[in-house]
N, C-alpha and C. Protein backbone atom coordinates (compact mmCIF):
# COMPACT_ATOMS: atom_id res chain seq x y z
N MET A 1 0.88 -1.07 0.08
CA MET A 1 -0.02 -0.16 -0.03
C MET A 1 0.67 1.39 0.15
N THR A 2 0.76 2.21 -1.05
CA THR A 2 1.41 3.47 -1.00
C THR A 2 0.88 4.55 0.08
N SER A 3 1.51 5.24 0.36
CA SER A 3 1.03 6.68 1.42
C SER A 3 1.20 7.84 0.46
N PRO A 4 0.13 8.54 0.91
CA PRO A 4 -0.32 9.64 0.09
C PRO A 4 0.99 10.51 -0.19
N ASN A 5 2.04 10.54 0.50
CA ASN A 5 3.10 11.13 0.23
C ASN A 5 4.17 10.73 -0.95
N GLU A 6 3.85 9.34 -1.52
CA GLU A 6 4.44 8.65 -2.27
C GLU A 6 3.47 8.89 -3.74
N LYS A 7 2.25 8.87 -3.30
CA LYS A 7 1.76 9.17 -4.57
C LYS A 7 2.14 10.58 -5.26
N GLU A 8 2.40 11.84 -4.28
CA GLU A 8 2.51 12.82 -4.75
C GLU A 8 3.81 12.92 -5.23
N ASN A 9 5.13 12.48 -4.81
CA ASN A 9 6.28 11.90 -5.45
C ASN A 9 6.38 11.54 -7.01
N LYS A 10 5.22 10.90 -7.23
CA LYS A 10 5.06 9.96 -8.59
C LYS A 10 4.42 10.73 -9.24
N ALA A 11 3.66 11.98 -9.35
CA ALA A 11 2.86 12.89 -10.07
C ALA A 11 3.89 13.39 -11.14
N CYS A 12 3.28 13.52 -12.31
CA CYS A 12 4.07 13.86 -13.42
C CYS A 12 4.61 15.07 -13.38
N PRO A 13 5.56 15.13 -13.84
CA PRO A 13 6.78 16.37 -13.36
C PRO A 13 6.27 17.79 -14.23
N ALA A 14 5.26 17.51 -15.24
CA ALA A 14 5.02 18.78 -16.17
C ALA A 14 3.49 19.30 -15.35
N GLU A 15 2.96 18.38 -14.32
CA GLU A 15 1.63 18.88 -13.96
C GLU A 15 1.80 20.44 -13.20
N SER A 16 3.09 20.44 -12.54
CA SER A 16 3.26 21.83 -11.68
C SER A 16 3.43 22.79 -12.67
N LEU A 17 3.94 22.58 -13.89
CA LEU A 17 4.37 23.54 -14.84
C LEU A 17 2.81 23.86 -15.55
N LEU A 18 1.99 22.84 -15.75
CA LEU A 18 0.77 23.57 -16.36
C LEU A 18 -0.03 24.02 -15.50
N LYS A 19 -0.27 23.72 -14.11
CA LYS A 19 -0.86 24.50 -13.31
C LYS A 19 -0.50 26.04 -13.20
N MET A 20 0.83 26.03 -13.26
CA MET A 20 1.44 27.43 -13.30
C MET A 20 0.96 28.48 -14.39
N LEU A 21 0.81 27.61 -15.57
CA LEU A 21 0.52 28.42 -16.54
C LEU A 21 -0.92 28.29 -16.98
N SER A 22 -1.74 27.59 -16.29
CA SER A 22 -3.21 27.45 -16.49
C SER A 22 -3.77 28.51 -15.81
N GLY A 23 -4.97 28.98 -16.44
CA GLY A 23 -5.78 30.24 -16.03
C GLY A 23 -5.75 31.39 -17.16
N LYS A 24 -6.96 32.16 -16.96
CA LYS A 24 -7.25 32.78 -17.85
C LYS A 24 -6.08 33.85 -18.12
N TRP A 25 -5.62 34.30 -19.56
CA TRP A 25 -4.69 35.07 -19.87
C TRP A 25 -2.98 34.83 -19.29
N LYS A 26 -2.89 33.75 -18.56
CA LYS A 26 -1.47 33.29 -18.30
C LYS A 26 -0.71 32.80 -19.24
N PRO A 27 -0.97 32.04 -20.04
CA PRO A 27 -0.22 31.48 -21.26
C PRO A 27 0.05 32.50 -22.38
N GLN A 28 -0.77 33.68 -22.72
CA GLN A 28 -0.75 34.61 -23.36
C GLN A 28 0.27 35.71 -22.82
N LEU A 29 0.05 36.03 -21.46
CA LEU A 29 0.87 36.70 -21.09
C LEU A 29 2.59 35.97 -20.85
N PHE A 30 2.42 35.11 -20.76
CA PHE A 30 4.06 34.45 -20.62
C PHE A 30 4.46 34.34 -21.91
N LYS A 31 3.86 34.29 -22.89
CA LYS A 31 4.36 34.34 -24.30
C LYS A 31 4.87 35.91 -24.53
N LEU A 32 3.95 36.61 -24.09
CA LEU A 32 4.28 38.05 -24.64
C LEU A 32 5.36 38.46 -23.62
N ALA A 33 5.85 38.19 -22.59
CA ALA A 33 7.07 38.06 -21.66
C ALA A 33 8.07 37.96 -22.13
N MET A 34 7.94 36.62 -22.96
CA MET A 34 9.20 36.15 -23.62
C MET A 34 9.96 36.97 -25.03
N GLU A 35 9.16 37.83 -25.29
CA GLU A 35 9.26 38.97 -26.53
C GLU A 35 9.76 40.23 -25.69
N GLY A 36 9.55 40.86 -24.38
CA GLY A 36 10.14 41.78 -23.73
C GLY A 36 9.56 42.22 -22.67
N PRO A 37 9.39 43.14 -22.05
CA PRO A 37 9.01 43.68 -20.87
C PRO A 37 7.36 43.91 -21.28
N LEU A 38 6.56 43.75 -20.00
CA LEU A 38 5.19 44.05 -20.29
C LEU A 38 4.73 45.11 -19.38
N ARG A 39 3.67 46.08 -20.05
CA ARG A 39 3.32 47.16 -19.38
C ARG A 39 1.62 46.70 -19.34
N PHE A 40 1.13 47.15 -18.13
CA PHE A 40 -0.48 46.89 -17.97
C PHE A 40 -1.09 47.81 -19.00
N ASN A 41 -1.24 48.74 -19.20
CA ASN A 41 -2.04 49.34 -20.30
C ASN A 41 -1.86 48.96 -21.75
N SER A 42 -0.57 48.50 -21.98
CA SER A 42 -0.27 48.03 -23.14
C SER A 42 -0.93 46.44 -23.35
N LEU A 43 -0.90 45.84 -22.28
CA LEU A 43 -1.44 44.43 -22.29
C LEU A 43 -3.27 44.50 -22.53
N LEU A 44 -3.81 45.52 -21.93
CA LEU A 44 -5.07 45.90 -21.99
C LEU A 44 -5.63 46.28 -23.50
N ARG A 45 -4.84 46.69 -24.02
CA ARG A 45 -5.06 47.22 -25.48
C ARG A 45 -4.96 46.01 -26.50
N SER A 46 -3.62 45.08 -26.42
CA SER A 46 -3.31 44.27 -27.12
C SER A 46 -3.88 42.80 -27.05
N LEU A 47 -4.41 42.51 -25.62
CA LEU A 47 -5.07 41.40 -25.39
C LEU A 47 -6.82 41.51 -25.55
N GLU A 48 -7.33 41.20 -26.60
CA GLU A 48 -8.76 41.57 -27.03
C GLU A 48 -9.74 40.61 -26.01
N GLY A 49 -10.51 41.43 -25.52
CA GLY A 49 -11.38 40.89 -24.48
C GLY A 49 -11.00 40.63 -23.00
N SER A 50 -9.72 41.14 -22.83
CA SER A 50 -9.57 41.49 -21.51
C SER A 50 -10.08 42.41 -20.62
N ASN A 51 -9.82 42.31 -19.14
CA ASN A 51 -10.38 43.63 -18.74
C ASN A 51 -9.14 43.60 -17.31
N LYS A 52 -9.12 44.83 -16.82
CA LYS A 52 -8.29 45.04 -15.72
C LYS A 52 -8.38 44.14 -14.68
N GLN A 53 -9.19 43.60 -14.15
CA GLN A 53 -9.24 42.69 -12.93
C GLN A 53 -8.58 41.41 -13.66
N SER A 54 -9.20 40.76 -14.54
CA SER A 54 -8.64 39.65 -14.93
C SER A 54 -7.14 39.59 -15.24
N LEU A 55 -6.69 40.39 -15.76
CA LEU A 55 -5.35 40.62 -15.97
C LEU A 55 -4.25 40.97 -14.93
N ALA A 56 -4.81 41.94 -13.95
CA ALA A 56 -4.02 41.93 -12.71
C ALA A 56 -3.99 40.85 -11.77
N THR A 57 -5.18 39.97 -11.84
CA THR A 57 -5.03 38.82 -11.21
C THR A 57 -4.24 37.58 -11.79
N ALA A 58 -3.79 37.45 -13.27
CA ALA A 58 -3.10 36.44 -13.80
C ALA A 58 -1.36 37.11 -13.50
N LEU A 59 -1.46 38.28 -13.74
CA LEU A 59 -0.06 39.04 -13.29
C LEU A 59 0.40 38.83 -11.91
N LYS A 60 -0.22 38.97 -10.94
CA LYS A 60 -0.23 38.59 -9.46
C LYS A 60 0.13 37.23 -9.48
N GLU A 61 -0.74 36.53 -10.13
CA GLU A 61 -0.44 35.02 -9.98
C GLU A 61 1.14 34.54 -10.47
N LEU A 62 1.42 34.87 -11.76
CA LEU A 62 2.41 34.50 -12.45
C LEU A 62 3.74 35.35 -11.45
N GLU A 63 3.22 36.34 -10.92
CA GLU A 63 4.54 36.74 -10.24
C GLU A 63 4.73 35.74 -8.76
N SER A 64 3.51 35.71 -8.19
CA SER A 64 4.11 34.50 -6.65
C SER A 64 4.20 33.31 -7.17
N GLU A 65 4.13 32.78 -8.48
CA GLU A 65 4.75 31.61 -8.85
C GLU A 65 6.07 31.71 -9.20
N GLY A 66 6.49 33.07 -9.14
CA GLY A 66 8.16 33.11 -9.55
C GLY A 66 8.15 33.38 -10.77
N LEU A 67 7.18 33.21 -11.75
CA LEU A 67 7.65 33.18 -13.43
C LEU A 67 7.68 34.66 -13.96
N LEU A 68 7.22 35.56 -13.45
CA LEU A 68 7.47 37.08 -13.60
C LEU A 68 7.96 38.00 -12.41
N GLU A 69 8.48 38.90 -12.70
CA GLU A 69 9.30 39.87 -11.77
C GLU A 69 8.47 41.33 -12.17
N ARG A 70 8.05 42.15 -11.07
CA ARG A 70 7.18 43.33 -11.24
C ARG A 70 8.44 44.25 -10.67
N LYS A 71 8.59 45.40 -11.76
CA LYS A 71 9.60 46.52 -11.70
C LYS A 71 9.04 47.74 -11.56
N ILE A 72 9.25 48.65 -10.69
CA ILE A 72 8.52 49.97 -10.83
C ILE A 72 9.79 50.95 -11.44
N ILE A 73 8.88 51.51 -12.34
CA ILE A 73 9.94 52.42 -13.41
C ILE A 73 9.66 53.73 -12.85
N ARG A 74 10.63 54.32 -12.19
CA ARG A 74 10.13 55.78 -11.35
C ARG A 74 10.58 56.87 -12.35
N LEU A 75 10.61 56.79 -13.67
CA LEU A 75 10.53 57.77 -14.69
C LEU A 75 9.10 58.32 -14.92
N LYS A 76 9.35 59.88 -15.57
CA LYS A 76 7.92 60.14 -15.46
C LYS A 76 7.58 59.89 -17.11
N PRO A 77 6.25 59.36 -17.61
CA PRO A 77 5.39 58.87 -16.32
C PRO A 77 5.59 57.74 -15.74
N LEU A 78 5.32 57.78 -14.02
CA LEU A 78 5.60 56.47 -13.52
C LEU A 78 4.93 55.41 -13.96
N HIS A 79 5.28 54.10 -14.31
CA HIS A 79 4.62 53.01 -14.73
C HIS A 79 5.63 51.68 -13.83
N VAL A 80 4.83 50.36 -14.15
CA VAL A 80 4.90 49.38 -13.59
C VAL A 80 5.31 48.55 -14.99
N GLU A 81 6.82 47.64 -14.96
CA GLU A 81 6.75 46.68 -15.88
C GLU A 81 7.03 45.56 -15.38
N TYR A 82 6.51 44.17 -16.26
CA TYR A 82 6.81 42.93 -15.85
C TYR A 82 7.60 42.12 -16.67
N HIS A 83 8.66 41.36 -16.19
CA HIS A 83 9.50 40.68 -17.16
C HIS A 83 9.79 39.21 -16.64
N LEU A 84 10.04 38.47 -17.27
CA LEU A 84 10.44 37.15 -16.85
C LEU A 84 11.70 36.98 -15.80
N SER A 85 11.36 36.09 -14.84
CA SER A 85 12.60 35.94 -13.67
C SER A 85 13.27 35.23 -14.65
N ALA A 86 14.28 34.75 -13.48
CA ALA A 86 15.30 33.69 -13.75
C ALA A 86 14.37 32.38 -14.26
N LYS A 87 13.48 32.12 -13.32
CA LYS A 87 12.89 30.85 -13.28
C LYS A 87 11.73 30.87 -14.68
N GLY A 88 11.39 31.77 -15.05
CA GLY A 88 10.53 32.22 -16.15
C GLY A 88 11.37 31.89 -17.37
N ASN A 89 12.71 32.22 -17.31
CA ASN A 89 13.63 32.06 -18.67
C ASN A 89 13.86 30.75 -18.71
N LEU A 90 13.77 30.13 -17.66
CA LEU A 90 14.22 28.28 -17.54
C LEU A 90 12.87 27.71 -18.62
N PHE A 91 11.69 28.35 -18.23
CA PHE A 91 10.69 27.82 -19.13
C PHE A 91 10.60 28.08 -20.55
N ILE A 92 11.24 29.22 -21.20
CA ILE A 92 11.29 29.27 -22.49
C ILE A 92 11.46 28.23 -23.27
N PRO A 93 12.31 27.43 -23.35
CA PRO A 93 12.49 26.08 -24.27
C PRO A 93 11.15 25.37 -24.07
N VAL A 94 10.57 25.33 -23.19
CA VAL A 94 9.25 24.69 -22.73
C VAL A 94 8.32 24.84 -23.65
N MET A 95 8.15 26.47 -23.49
CA MET A 95 6.98 26.99 -24.55
C MET A 95 7.38 26.98 -25.88
N GLN A 96 8.47 26.97 -26.06
CA GLN A 96 8.80 27.08 -27.46
C GLN A 96 8.87 25.37 -28.15
N GLN A 97 8.90 24.55 -27.42
CA GLN A 97 8.73 23.18 -27.91
C GLN A 97 7.00 22.99 -28.12
N LEU A 98 6.35 23.53 -26.98
CA LEU A 98 5.15 23.25 -27.32
C LEU A 98 4.21 24.20 -28.41
N GLU A 99 5.07 25.31 -28.54
CA GLU A 99 4.27 26.29 -29.79
C GLU A 99 4.98 25.61 -31.16
N GLN A 100 6.21 24.41 -31.17
CA GLN A 100 6.12 23.69 -32.35
C GLN A 100 5.42 22.50 -32.69
N LEU A 101 5.24 22.05 -31.09
CA LEU A 101 4.07 20.91 -31.30
C LEU A 101 2.79 21.26 -31.90
N SER A 102 2.28 22.35 -31.47
CA SER A 102 0.92 22.77 -31.90
C SER A 102 0.95 23.27 -33.33
N SER A 103 2.25 23.98 -33.76
CA SER A 103 2.14 24.34 -35.44
C SER A 103 2.11 22.94 -36.22
N SER A 104 2.91 22.07 -35.63
CA SER A 104 2.87 20.60 -36.67
C SER A 104 2.06 19.72 -36.39
N THR A 105 1.02 20.21 -35.60
CA THR A 105 -0.47 18.83 -35.49
C THR A 105 -1.49 19.41 -36.53
N PRO A 106 -1.94 18.84 -37.13
CA PRO A 106 -3.11 18.92 -38.16
C PRO A 106 -4.40 19.51 -37.61
N SER A 107 -4.83 20.56 -38.11
CA SER A 107 -6.07 21.02 -37.63
C SER A 107 -7.35 20.11 -37.62
């Protein structure tokens, strides 16, 4: 008989990554962060159907999971930028592989 801890240790290694990137706007935000720093108002304009609350929530969750870092830019106008953390940069090859897989599968 296996204990609950043993079952947790046998979980799929990709499961935690998929949980980190699951949720409204998270995959899109991560992909955009791979291209460069993110600014909140720019995201609102570029992500069709997004709203302030859902974007703020997704950004906070990505930040709390250690994938994004929040930086206050003290130049006028004062603003906040989000960019990939060191941990987030480690996931770039994984995302690139997923993009290749999704583009190679027939629709």
